[in-house]
């Protein structure tokens, strides 16, 4: 960072940030790294989302989606390409985890293709007591699941 470059800050996201957040995550959605989010979904994350801002530009975003008093998920983590590999993603994850702590959430999960990054942030496949998260993709259009081939 040069002395003329604006400082980087992380702050809670606001509804005024939504257009910039949508623009930030669009390339990640197009490349398949993030799931698509509607404007309504992004708006719903504003109470638990954080942006990384450099000057007037939003260069990072992450949100904590709270499912219950016990479980939340970090969603839509995105850092602009020119800001990556400087710890910004870790700081956004930390902001989400700290929010979960303040809200007394017991577990925070993430679904990701960037396993190494999240392991470096302290995430693991198991929780105390060897609990593990397991997933299944339901058949499209609500068709029946064929369990005979298990």
C-alpha atoms as a PDB file:
ATOM      1  CA  UNK A   1       0.000   0.000   0.000  1.00  0.00           C
ATOM      2  CA  UNK A   2       1.431   3.366  -0.983  1.00  0.00           C
ATOM      3  CA  UNK A   3       0.946   6.433   1.167  1.00  0.00           C
ATOM      4  CA  UNK A   4      -1.535   7.833  -1.393  1.00  0.00           C
ATOM      5  CA  UNK A   5      -3.698   4.695  -1.266  1.00  0.00           C
ATOM      6  CA  UNK A   6      -6.778   5.001   0.972  1.00  0.00           C
ATOM      7  CA  UNK A   7      -6.797   2.957   4.168  1.00  0.00           C
ATOM      8  CA  UNK A   8      -8.733  -0.265   4.351  1.00  0.00           C
ATOM      9  CA  UNK A   9     -11.573  -0.597   6.857  1.00  0.00           C
ATOM     10  CA  UNK A  10     -14.068  -3.299   7.749  1.00  0.00           C
ATOM     11  CA  UNK A  11     -17.516  -2.208   8.860  1.00  0.00           C
ATOM     12  CA  UNK A  12     -21.081  -3.510   9.041  1.00  0.00           C
ATOM     13  CA  UNK A  13     -22.797  -3.561   5.648  1.00  0.00           C
ATOM     14  CA  UNK A  14     -25.704  -1.204   5.022  1.00  0.00           C
ATOM     15  CA  UNK A  15     -28.515  -1.209   2.491  1.00  0.00           C
ATOM     16  CA  UNK A  16     -26.703   1.568   0.606  1.00  0.00           C
ATOM     17  CA  UNK A  17     -23.894  -0.957  -0.037  1.00  0.00           C
ATOM     18  CA  UNK A  18     -26.124  -3.478  -1.817  1.00  0.00           C
ATOM     19  CA  UNK A  19     -25.403  -2.390  -5.438  1.00  0.00           C
ATOM     20  CA  UNK A  20     -21.641  -2.444  -4.789  1.00  0.00           C
ATOM     21  CA  UNK A  21     -21.885  -5.820  -3.015  1.00  0.00           C
ATOM     22  CA  UNK A  22     -23.831  -7.306  -5.925  1.00  0.00           C
ATOM     23  CA  UNK A  23     -21.173  -5.992  -8.344  1.00  0.00           C
ATOM     24  CA  UNK A  24     -18.381  -7.381  -6.164  1.00  0.00           C
ATOM     25  CA  UNK A  25     -19.808 -10.908  -5.959  1.00  0.00           C
ATOM     26  CA  UNK A  26     -20.959 -11.094  -9.631  1.00  0.00           C
ATOM     27  CA  UNK A  27     -17.615 -12.388 -11.030  1.00  0.00           C
ATOM     28  CA  UNK A  28     -17.485 -15.052  -8.292  1.00  0.00           C
ATOM     29  CA  UNK A  29     -21.013 -16.173  -9.184  1.00  0.00           C
ATOM     30  CA  UNK A  30     -20.142 -16.240 -12.904  1.00  0.00           C
ATOM     31  CA  UNK A  31     -17.074 -18.397 -12.232  1.00  0.00           C
ATOM     32  CA  UNK A  32     -19.073 -20.788 -10.043  1.00  0.00           C
ATOM     33  CA  UNK A  33     -17.176 -19.925  -6.842  1.00  0.00           C
ATOM     34  CA  UNK A  34     -20.282 -18.461  -5.168  1.00  0.00           C
ATOM     35  CA  UNK A  35     -23.935 -19.331  -5.428  1.00  0.00           C
ATOM     36  CA  UNK A  36     -26.144 -16.689  -7.025  1.00  0.00           C
ATOM     37  CA  UNK A  37     -27.875 -14.307  -4.600  1.00  0.00           C
ATOM     38  CA  UNK A  38     -30.997 -12.327  -5.358  1.00  0.00           C
ATOM     39  CA  UNK A  39     -31.208  -8.693  -4.309  1.00  0.00           C
ATOM     40  CA  UNK A  40     -33.643  -9.783  -1.591  1.00  0.00           C
ATOM     41  CA  UNK A  41     -31.160 -12.376  -0.271  1.00  0.00           C
ATOM     42  CA  UNK A  42     -28.380  -9.783  -0.162  1.00  0.00           C
ATOM     43  CA  UNK A  43     -30.726  -7.290   1.537  1.00  0.00           C
ATOM     44  CA  UNK A  44     -31.614  -9.929   4.155  1.00  0.00           C
ATOM     45  CA  UNK A  45     -27.905 -10.290   5.019  1.00  0.00           C
ATOM     46  CA  UNK A  46     -27.395  -6.592   5.780  1.00  0.00           C
ATOM     47  CA  UNK A  47     -27.946  -6.975   9.517  1.00  0.00           C
ATOM     48  CA  UNK A  48     -25.182  -9.581   9.747  1.00  0.00           C
ATOM     49  CA  UNK A  49     -22.934  -8.661   6.823  1.00  0.00           C
ATOM     50  CA  UNK A  50     -19.596  -6.883   6.710  1.00  0.00           C
ATOM     51  CA  UNK A  51     -17.855  -4.976   3.949  1.00  0.00           C
ATOM     52  CA  UNK A  52     -14.219  -4.209   3.449  1.00  0.00           C
ATOM     53  CA  UNK A  53     -13.873  -0.719   2.091  1.00  0.00           C
ATOM     54  CA  UNK A  54     -10.935   1.104   0.569  1.00  0.00           C
ATOM     55  CA  UNK A  55     -11.856   4.713  -0.021  1.00  0.00           C
ATOM     56  CA  UNK A  56     -15.256   4.685  -1.726  1.00  0.00           C
ATOM     57  CA  UNK A  57     -14.804   1.150  -3.067  1.00  0.00           C
ATOM     58  CA  UNK A  58     -16.146  -2.011  -1.506  1.00  0.00           C
ATOM     59  CA  UNK A  59     -13.402  -4.593  -2.002  1.00  0.00           C
ATOM     60  CA  UNK A  60     -14.720  -7.404   0.206  1.00  0.00           C
ATOM     61  CA  UNK A  61     -17.903  -8.825   1.672  1.00  0.00           C
ATOM     62  CA  UNK A  62     -18.995 -11.644   3.967  1.00  0.00           C
ATOM     63  CA  UNK A  63     -22.150 -12.301   5.928  1.00  0.00           C
ATOM     64  CA  UNK A  64     -23.280 -14.487   8.775  1.00  0.00           C
ATOM     65  CA  UNK A  65     -26.599 -16.152   8.081  1.00  0.00           C
ATOM     66  CA  UNK A  66     -28.126 -17.182  11.389  1.00  0.00           C
ATOM     67  CA  UNK A  67     -30.293 -20.292  11.147  1.00  0.00           C
ATOM     68  CA  UNK A  68     -31.012 -20.777  14.852  1.00  0.00           C
ATOM     69  CA  UNK A  69     -29.624 -20.020  18.310  1.00  0.00           C
ATOM     70  CA  UNK A  70     -27.210 -22.875  17.696  1.00  0.00           C
ATOM     71  CA  UNK A  71     -26.110 -22.607  14.048  1.00  0.00           C
ATOM     72  CA  UNK A  72     -24.985 -19.966  11.575  1.00  0.00           C
ATOM     73  CA  UNK A  73     -23.196 -20.031   8.232  1.00  0.00           C
ATOM     74  CA  UNK A  74     -20.660 -17.676   6.686  1.00  0.00           C
ATOM     75  CA  UNK A  75     -22.007 -16.790   3.258  1.00  0.00           C
ATOM     76  CA  UNK A  76     -20.939 -14.956   0.153  1.00  0.00           C
ATOM     77  CA  UNK A  77     -17.324 -14.314   1.145  1.00  0.00           C
ATOM     78  CA  UNK A  78     -15.774 -12.377  -1.714  1.00  0.00           C
ATOM     79  CA  UNK A  79     -12.629 -10.269  -1.969  1.00  0.00           C
ATOM     80  CA  UNK A  80     -11.767  -8.376  -5.145  1.00  0.00           C
ATOM     81  CA  UNK A  81      -8.932  -9.982  -7.040  1.00  0.00           C
ATOM     82  CA  UNK A  82      -6.449  -7.133  -6.503  1.00  0.00           C
ATOM     83  CA  UNK A  83      -7.038  -7.235  -2.718  1.00  0.00           C
ATOM     84  CA  UNK A  84      -6.625 -10.993  -2.287  1.00  0.00           C
ATOM     85  CA  UNK A  85      -3.768 -12.643  -0.360  1.00  0.00           C
ATOM     86  CA  UNK A  86      -3.396  -9.770   2.122  1.00  0.00           C
ATOM     87  CA  UNK A  87      -5.499 -11.164   4.992  1.00  0.00           C
ATOM     88  CA  UNK A  88      -8.689  -9.347   4.077  1.00  0.00           C
ATOM     89  CA  UNK A  89     -10.782 -12.507   3.709  1.00  0.00           C
ATOM     90  CA  UNK A  90      -9.567 -13.705   7.101  1.00  0.00           C
ATOM     91  CA  UNK A  91     -10.569 -10.398   8.667  1.00  0.00           C
ATOM     92  CA  UNK A  92     -14.066 -10.653   7.183  1.00  0.00           C
ATOM     93  CA  UNK A  93     -14.408 -14.234   8.457  1.00  0.00           C
ATOM     94  CA  UNK A  94     -13.182 -13.106  11.883  1.00  0.00           C
ATOM     95  CA  UNK A  95     -15.822 -10.337  11.941  1.00  0.00           C
ATOM     96  CA  UNK A  96     -18.530 -12.930  11.219  1.00  0.00           C
ATOM     97  CA  UNK A  97     -17.234 -15.363  13.846  1.00  0.00           C
ATOM     98  CA  UNK A  98     -17.035 -12.579  16.438  1.00  0.00           C
ATOM     99  CA  UNK A  99     -20.627 -11.578  15.640  1.00  0.00           C
ATOM    100  CA  UNK A 100     -21.676 -15.214  16.164  1.00  0.00           C
ATOM    101  CA  UNK A 101     -19.935 -15.134  19.540  1.00  0.00           C
ATOM    102  CA  UNK A 102     -21.725 -11.933  20.560  1.00  0.00           C
ATOM    103  CA  UNK A 103     -25.022 -13.554  19.566  1.00  0.00           C
ATOM    104  CA  UNK A 104     -24.156 -16.738  21.521  1.00  0.00           C
ATOM    105  CA  UNK A 105     -24.314 -18.939  18.410  1.00  0.00           C
ATOM    106  CA  UNK A 106     -22.798 -22.331  19.245  1.00  0.00           C
ATOM    107  CA  UNK A 107     -21.515 -23.366  15.814  1.00  0.00           C
ATOM    108  CA  UNK A 108     -20.539 -21.562  12.615  1.00  0.00           C
ATOM    109  CA  UNK A 109     -20.242 -23.520   9.393  1.00  0.00           C
ATOM    110  CA  UNK A 110     -19.142 -22.808   5.876  1.00  0.00           C
ATOM    111  CA  UNK A 111     -19.774 -24.585   2.583  1.00  0.00           C
ATOM    112  CA  UNK A 112     -16.768 -23.884   0.400  1.00  0.00           C
ATOM    113  CA  UNK A 113     -14.443 -24.940  -2.361  1.00  0.00           C
ATOM    114  CA  UNK A 114     -11.604 -23.101  -0.558  1.00  0.00           C
ATOM    115  CA  UNK A 115     -10.962 -25.660   2.162  1.00  0.00           C
ATOM    116  CA  UNK A 116      -7.387 -24.546   2.902  1.00  0.00           C
ATOM    117  CA  UNK A 117      -8.394 -20.930   3.441  1.00  0.00           C
ATOM    118  CA  UNK A 118     -11.079 -21.828   5.973  1.00  0.00           C
ATOM    119  CA  UNK A 119      -8.826 -24.339   7.722  1.00  0.00           C
ATOM    120  CA  UNK A 120      -6.326 -21.487   8.137  1.00  0.00           C
ATOM    121  CA  UNK A 121      -9.187 -19.495   9.729  1.00  0.00           C
ATOM    122  CA  UNK A 122      -9.700 -22.266  12.289  1.00  0.00           C
ATOM    123  CA  UNK A 123     -12.483 -24.277  10.635  1.00  0.00           C
ATOM    124  CA  UNK A 124     -12.306 -28.074  10.567  1.00  0.00           C
ATOM    125  CA  UNK A 125     -14.395 -31.024   9.412  1.00  0.00           C
ATOM    126  CA  UNK A 126     -15.317 -32.081  12.913  1.00  0.00           C
ATOM    127  CA  UNK A 127     -16.647 -30.359  15.990  1.00  0.00           C
ATOM    128  CA  UNK A 128     -16.085 -31.325  19.604  1.00  0.00           C
ATOM    129  CA  UNK A 129     -17.462 -34.814  20.167  1.00  0.00           C
ATOM    130  CA  UNK A 130     -16.573 -35.745  16.578  1.00  0.00           C
ATOM    131  CA  UNK A 131     -19.777 -34.248  15.141  1.00  0.00           C
ATOM    132  CA  UNK A 132     -19.609 -33.893  11.352  1.00  0.00           C
ATOM    133  CA  UNK A 133     -21.753 -32.089   8.823  1.00  0.00           C
ATOM    134  CA  UNK A 134     -23.110 -34.318   6.065  1.00  0.00           C
ATOM    135  CA  UNK A 135     -24.874 -33.114   2.938  1.00  0.00           C
ATOM    136  CA  UNK A 136     -27.134 -34.404   0.184  1.00  0.00           C
ATOM    137  CA  UNK A 137     -28.433 -32.668  -2.913  1.00  0.00           C
ATOM    138  CA  UNK A 138     -32.129 -33.416  -3.351  1.00  0.00           C
ATOM    139  CA  UNK A 139     -33.280 -34.479  -6.802  1.00  0.00           C
ATOM    140  CA  UNK A 140     -34.401 -31.559  -8.932  1.00  0.00           C
ATOM    141  CA  UNK A 141     -38.057 -30.693  -9.149  1.00  0.00           C
ATOM    142  CA  UNK A 142     -38.871 -32.577  -5.969  1.00  0.00           C
ATOM    143  CA  UNK A 143     -38.682 -36.081  -7.458  1.00  0.00           C
ATOM    144  CA  UNK A 144     -38.301 -39.109  -5.187  1.00  0.00           C
ATOM    145  CA  UNK A 145     -34.942 -40.117  -3.769  1.00  0.00           C
ATOM    146  CA  UNK A 146     -33.883 -43.648  -4.735  1.00  0.00           C
ATOM    147  CA  UNK A 147     -32.240 -45.052  -1.608  1.00  0.00           C
ATOM    148  CA  UNK A 148     -31.919 -48.569  -3.035  1.00  0.00           C
ATOM    149  CA  UNK A 149     -28.644 -47.614  -4.718  1.00  0.00           C
ATOM    150  CA  UNK A 150     -26.924 -46.631  -1.468  1.00  0.00           C
END
